[in-house]
Structure formats: structure tokens, C-alpha cells
Amino acid sequence: MYILLFLICHWYLSLFSQTFFLHRYAAHKMFTMNKFWIKFFYVFSWITQGSSYLNARAYAILHRMHHAYSDTEKDPHTPHFFKDAFQMMLHTRKIYNDVLNKRVIVEDKFDRNFPEFTTIDKIADSWLMRLIFAAFYVLFYSAFATEWWMYLFLPIHFFIGPIQGAIVNWAGHKYGYRNFNSSDKSKNTLFIDFLLMGELFQNNHHQAGSKPNFAVKWWEIDPTYRIIWLFDKLKIIKLV
């Protein structure tokens, strides 16, 4: 029971960090925040992503490239040039690391207007910190796992951020229905996206990239937007 609760909590907290902070804020600036909340969610993303911490600058740049070059050879994570999701992930990882370590020249239109705290990144992105988080996951399982097969969930914790991103980019550009005839191959995979908190409404999102609500039809539900709406009412953020 504890293992299942831990897995669910880690999945959704990490996912929220990715869709709310990295995607809708860092990459798209769909809303604004004051300096306190920017740093709060920056640290929140570090803690919830743990051993699979994603740098906000690199994430924002890759995602902006994904929109600009969606489903072409210049797209950093389209599924249409790879035989499986794992090969796509490896390709994305290489581009991500090149951008992160500034080994490539990034177009100015992508490389600007994102949150950046170099001290936090230096600590969160270190191998030591990643190993500390991984050790915590293993120790938690050692304390509460009651069956051997429960340990098979550990890789999800180790790589939770990239796994969530891979599911979105693979499924969201291959499986589902389309509300809009966009120039790419984006699709809406689920009617009610409770698994990825709205991220699998890819066709809707690619049609209107700056819109904070990824749901369009009355029967589509984007859970993250409900939280964004609440945060706006509580003055934590301000919708653009």
C-alpha cells in the first residue's frame, strides 16, 4: 500500500512540475509569477523530479524547437523518425545535453525569457544529488516493499521526468483523434487526460500554443488548467 501511494504521489508531483512549471511557464510563459513563487516552483521541480531533474533553460529551448519544427527532422522529439520510444528518448537526450552544456548554437528566439538559477542547477543537476535521490527511493522500497516485484517500479522513480516526456511526445503524435488539421501530426490521445494532466491534448496545444487550457471540446478535461485557474484566483500566478 505504501509503495503504491509513493509511486502515485511521485508520478503526479513530478508531472505537475513538468506541465505547470517547465512547460506552461518556462517554455510558454502562459502566466507570470513574482520572484518568490518562481524560486519556489524551481525548487519544487528539483525535489519532485529528484534523480531525473530537468533543467528549465534546456527544457524550454527544446520545447520551443519542438513547436517550431514539429514532426520534421529538426524536431528534437518527434516519434516519426524512430522505430520505438526508447530510440526517440536517446535522440532527445543527446540534444538536451548539447543545449544544457552549451555545445551547440541556439537560435536567439529560443534562448531567452526563461527562469534560471545557476546555483540550484549546479546542485540539482550533479551526479551526487541524483544518486542521493536514487538511494532514497531504494531505501523507501527496502522499508515498505512487501513483494519482490514491487522493486520493478524503481526505474520509474529514477527516470520519471524523461519517461513522462517520452509518453507525451510518442503517444501525443501517433495515437488518438484530431480537432484541428494542423501542419504536424499531433493528436489528442485521451478525452479526459488524468494520466498526464492535460499533456496528451497535443493537437489542441499545437493549434494554440499559448493557451493555458489544453482542453477544447466540452467533454475534454485538462486537470492542470483547473489548478492554474485556482492559482490565478489565489494570486499565486497571473494569467496572461
Protein backbone atom coordinates (compact mmCIF):
# COMPACT_ATOMS: atom_id res chain seq x y z
CA MET A 1 0.00 0.00 0.00
CA TYR A 2 2.79 2.46 0.91
CA ILE A 3 4.67 1.64 -2.29
CA LEU A 4 1.61 2.30 -4.44
CA LEU A 5 0.90 5.59 -2.68
CA PHE A 6 4.53 6.66 -3.04
CA LEU A 7 4.52 5.81 -6.75
CA ILE A 8 1.28 7.72 -7.39
CA CYS A 9 2.41 10.76 -5.39
CA HIS A 10 5.81 10.86 -7.08
CA TRP A 11 4.24 10.45 -10.53
CA TYR A 12 1.78 13.31 -10.17
CA LEU A 13 4.02 15.71 -8.27
CA SER A 14 6.80 15.30 -10.83
CA LEU A 15 4.27 15.54 -13.64
CA PHE A 16 2.83 18.74 -12.20
CA SER A 17 6.32 20.25 -12.07
CA GLN A 18 6.82 19.40 -15.72
CA THR A 19 3.46 20.53 -17.12
CA PHE A 20 2.85 23.54 -14.87
CA PHE A 21 6.31 24.97 -14.35
CA LEU A 22 8.61 23.71 -17.09
CA HIS A 23 6.09 23.53 -19.92
CA ARG A 24 3.39 26.13 -19.38
CA TYR A 25 5.57 28.64 -17.53
CA ALA A 26 9.24 28.25 -18.53
CA ALA A 27 8.65 27.33 -22.17
CA HIS A 28 5.43 29.22 -22.97
CA LYS A 29 5.06 31.93 -20.30
CA MET A 30 1.29 31.42 -20.16
CA PHE A 31 1.24 33.21 -16.81
CA THR A 32 3.51 35.35 -14.66
CA MET A 33 4.75 34.91 -11.08
CA ASN A 34 6.70 37.03 -8.63
CA LYS A 35 10.29 36.13 -7.73
CA PHE A 36 9.30 34.19 -4.61
CA TRP A 37 6.97 31.82 -6.47
CA ILE A 38 9.38 31.40 -9.37
CA LYS A 39 12.09 30.22 -7.00
CA PHE A 40 9.57 28.15 -5.01
CA PHE A 41 8.45 26.17 -8.05
CA TYR A 42 12.04 25.93 -9.30
CA VAL A 43 12.99 24.17 -6.05
CA PHE A 44 9.69 22.24 -6.08
CA SER A 45 10.60 20.88 -9.53
CA TRP A 46 14.03 19.85 -8.26
CA ILE A 47 12.58 17.96 -5.28
CA THR A 48 9.73 16.27 -7.14
CA GLN A 49 11.81 15.25 -10.16
CA GLY A 50 14.66 14.10 -7.97
CA SER A 51 17.11 11.88 -9.79
CA SER A 52 15.64 12.84 -13.19
CA TYR A 53 15.86 16.62 -12.69
CA LEU A 54 15.28 18.61 -15.87
CA ASN A 55 16.96 21.99 -16.35
CA ALA A 56 14.41 24.74 -17.05
CA ARG A 57 16.51 26.50 -19.71
CA ALA A 58 17.26 23.33 -21.69
CA TYR A 59 13.66 22.15 -21.36
CA ALA A 60 12.28 25.48 -22.59
CA ILE A 61 14.63 25.61 -25.58
CA LEU A 62 13.88 22.04 -26.68
CA HIS A 63 10.16 22.55 -26.31
CA ARG A 64 10.22 25.76 -28.33
CA MET A 65 12.16 23.91 -31.03
CA HIS A 66 9.55 21.15 -30.88
CA HIS A 67 6.80 23.64 -31.70
CA ALA A 68 8.77 25.45 -34.38
CA TYR A 69 9.81 22.22 -36.16
CA SER A 70 7.04 19.85 -35.09
CA ASP A 71 7.33 16.39 -36.67
CA THR A 72 10.16 17.37 -39.00
CA GLU A 73 13.77 16.20 -38.87
CA LYS A 74 14.66 19.29 -36.79
CA ASP A 75 12.12 18.38 -34.10
CA PRO A 76 14.09 17.18 -31.03
CA HIS A 77 11.46 14.59 -30.12
CA THR A 78 9.11 13.56 -32.87
CA PRO A 79 8.26 9.83 -32.94
CA HIS A 80 8.09 9.64 -36.72
CA PHE A 81 11.79 9.07 -37.38
CA PHE A 82 12.38 6.31 -34.81
CA LYS A 83 11.35 2.68 -34.52
CA ASP A 84 10.49 2.93 -30.81
CA ALA A 85 10.15 5.40 -27.96
CA PHE A 86 13.50 4.40 -26.47
CA GLN A 87 15.38 5.47 -29.61
CA MET A 88 13.49 8.76 -29.59
CA MET A 89 14.46 9.29 -25.93
CA LEU A 90 18.15 8.72 -26.70
CA HIS A 91 17.99 11.24 -29.53
CA THR A 92 16.25 13.79 -27.29
CA ARG A 93 18.79 13.18 -24.52
CA LYS A 94 21.70 13.98 -26.85
CA ILE A 95 20.13 17.26 -27.99
CA TYR A 96 19.17 18.13 -24.41
CA ASN A 97 22.74 17.56 -23.17
CA ASP A 98 24.19 19.59 -26.04
CA VAL A 99 21.88 22.51 -25.21
CA LEU A 100 22.41 22.12 -21.46
CA ASN A 101 26.20 22.18 -21.77
CA LYS A 102 26.13 24.89 -24.48
CA ARG A 103 27.86 22.72 -27.05
CA VAL A 104 25.57 23.98 -29.82
CA ILE A 105 24.50 27.41 -31.00
CA VAL A 106 20.85 28.00 -30.15
CA GLU A 107 18.76 30.48 -32.12
CA ASP A 108 18.11 33.67 -30.16
CA LYS A 109 14.34 33.30 -30.47
CA PHE A 110 14.54 30.08 -28.40
CA ASP A 111 17.30 31.03 -25.95
CA ARG A 112 15.62 33.74 -23.87
CA ASN A 113 12.90 34.54 -21.35
CA PHE A 114 13.05 31.55 -19.02
CA PRO A 115 13.80 31.18 -15.28
CA GLU A 116 17.39 30.31 -14.41
CA PHE A 117 19.09 29.80 -11.05
CA THR A 118 22.62 28.58 -11.74
CA THR A 119 23.41 27.64 -8.12
CA ILE A 120 20.30 25.47 -7.83
CA ASP A 121 21.02 23.90 -11.21
CA LYS A 122 24.61 23.13 -10.25
CA ILE A 123 23.45 21.24 -7.16
CA ALA A 124 20.30 19.63 -8.58
CA ASP A 125 21.98 18.53 -11.81
CA SER A 126 25.01 16.96 -10.11
CA TRP A 127 25.55 13.21 -10.10
CA LEU A 128 25.89 13.28 -6.32
CA MET A 129 22.42 14.76 -5.88
CA ARG A 130 20.92 12.35 -8.40
CA LEU A 131 22.47 9.41 -6.53
CA ILE A 132 21.16 10.74 -3.20
CA PHE A 133 17.62 10.79 -4.57
CA ALA A 134 18.05 7.33 -6.11
CA ALA A 135 19.31 6.00 -2.78
CA PHE A 136 16.28 7.49 -1.05
CA TYR A 137 13.93 5.67 -3.45
CA VAL A 138 15.75 2.37 -2.86
CA LEU A 139 15.69 2.82 0.92
CA PHE A 140 11.99 3.62 0.87
CA TYR A 141 11.29 0.44 -1.10
CA SER A 142 13.53 -1.56 1.23
CA ALA A 143 11.49 -0.33 4.18
CA PHE A 144 7.99 -0.77 2.75
CA ALA A 145 8.05 -3.23 -0.18
CA THR A 146 6.27 -6.48 0.70
CA GLU A 147 6.82 -8.34 -2.59
CA TRP A 148 9.86 -8.69 -4.84
CA TRP A 149 8.01 -7.44 -7.93
CA MET A 150 7.45 -4.05 -6.32
CA TYR A 151 11.12 -3.27 -6.94
CA LEU A 152 10.34 -3.32 -10.66
CA PHE A 153 8.79 0.13 -10.17
CA LEU A 154 12.11 1.66 -9.14
CA PRO A 155 13.23 2.60 -12.69
CA ILE A 156 10.11 4.75 -12.97
CA HIS A 157 11.30 6.79 -9.99
CA PHE A 158 14.85 7.01 -11.35
CA PHE A 159 13.78 8.35 -14.78
CA ILE A 160 10.31 9.73 -14.08
CA GLY A 161 10.73 13.07 -15.90
CA PRO A 162 12.05 11.68 -19.21
CA ILE A 163 9.51 8.82 -19.07
CA GLN A 164 6.61 11.25 -18.77
CA GLY A 165 8.01 13.39 -21.58
CA ALA A 166 8.51 10.36 -23.82
CA ILE A 167 4.92 9.17 -23.32
CA VAL A 168 3.59 12.61 -24.23
CA ASN A 169 5.75 13.03 -27.32
CA TRP A 170 5.33 9.45 -28.57
CA ALA A 171 1.61 8.91 -27.92
CA GLY A 172 0.62 12.54 -28.49
CA HIS A 173 1.98 12.48 -32.03
CA LYS A 174 0.88 8.97 -33.01
CA TYR A 175 -2.34 7.89 -31.32
CA GLY A 176 -5.75 9.47 -30.93
CA TYR A 177 -8.00 11.97 -32.66
CA ARG A 178 -7.57 15.47 -34.09
CA ASN A 179 -9.75 18.52 -33.51
CA PHE A 180 -7.61 20.65 -35.84
CA ASN A 181 -5.89 20.00 -39.17
CA SER A 182 -2.54 21.34 -38.04
CA SER A 183 0.53 21.01 -40.26
CA ASP A 184 2.11 18.45 -37.94
CA LYS A 185 0.88 15.01 -36.81
CA SER A 186 -0.16 15.93 -33.28
CA LYS A 187 -3.13 14.09 -31.77
CA ASN A 188 -5.29 14.11 -28.67
CA THR A 189 -4.78 10.72 -27.07
CA LEU A 190 -7.35 10.82 -24.24
CA PHE A 191 -10.74 12.50 -23.77
CA ILE A 192 -10.02 13.04 -20.07
CA ASP A 193 -6.27 13.18 -19.62
CA PHE A 194 -5.90 12.16 -15.98
CA LEU A 195 -2.69 10.19 -16.71
CA LEU A 196 -0.59 13.12 -17.97
CA MET A 197 -2.63 16.04 -16.54
CA GLY A 198 -3.63 17.51 -19.90
CA GLU A 199 -0.36 16.94 -21.75
CA LEU A 200 -1.93 14.37 -24.09
CA PHE A 201 -4.13 17.01 -25.71
CA GLN A 202 -1.24 17.60 -28.10
CA ASN A 203 -3.33 18.51 -31.15
CA ASN A 204 -5.20 21.16 -29.20
CA HIS A 205 -1.96 22.50 -27.74
CA HIS A 206 -0.16 22.69 -31.08
CA GLN A 207 -3.08 24.58 -32.55
CA ALA A 208 -2.94 27.23 -29.82
CA GLY A 209 0.46 27.00 -28.17
CA SER A 210 -0.01 29.93 -25.78
CA LYS A 211 -3.42 28.87 -24.47
CA PRO A 212 -3.17 27.59 -20.84
CA ASN A 213 -6.20 25.30 -21.15
CA PHE A 214 -5.26 22.37 -23.37
CA ALA A 215 -8.86 21.15 -23.49
CA VAL A 216 -11.12 22.48 -26.27
CA LYS A 217 -14.28 20.37 -26.51
CA TRP A 218 -16.78 20.42 -23.64
CA TRP A 219 -16.03 16.78 -22.83
CA GLU A 220 -12.25 17.26 -22.69
CA ILE A 221 -10.77 17.93 -19.24
CA ASP A 222 -7.33 19.40 -18.56
CA PRO A 223 -6.64 18.92 -14.82
CA THR A 224 -3.61 21.22 -14.79
CA TYR A 225 -5.65 24.13 -16.09
CA ARG A 226 -8.04 23.75 -13.14
CA ILE A 227 -5.05 24.22 -10.82
CA ILE A 228 -3.78 27.16 -12.89
CA TRP A 229 -7.23 28.79 -12.65
CA LEU A 230 -7.20 28.30 -8.86
CA PHE A 231 -3.66 29.68 -8.52
CA ASP A 232 -4.72 32.73 -10.52
CA LYS A 233 -7.65 33.34 -8.16
CA LEU A 234 -5.34 32.94 -5.16
CA LYS A 235 -2.91 35.49 -6.69
CA ILE A 236 -0.08 32.94 -6.79
CA ILE A 237 0.15 33.50 -10.53
CA LYS A 238 -1.36 35.94 -13.02
CA LEU A 239 -2.74 34.55 -16.26
CA VAL A 240 -1.51 36.38 -19.35
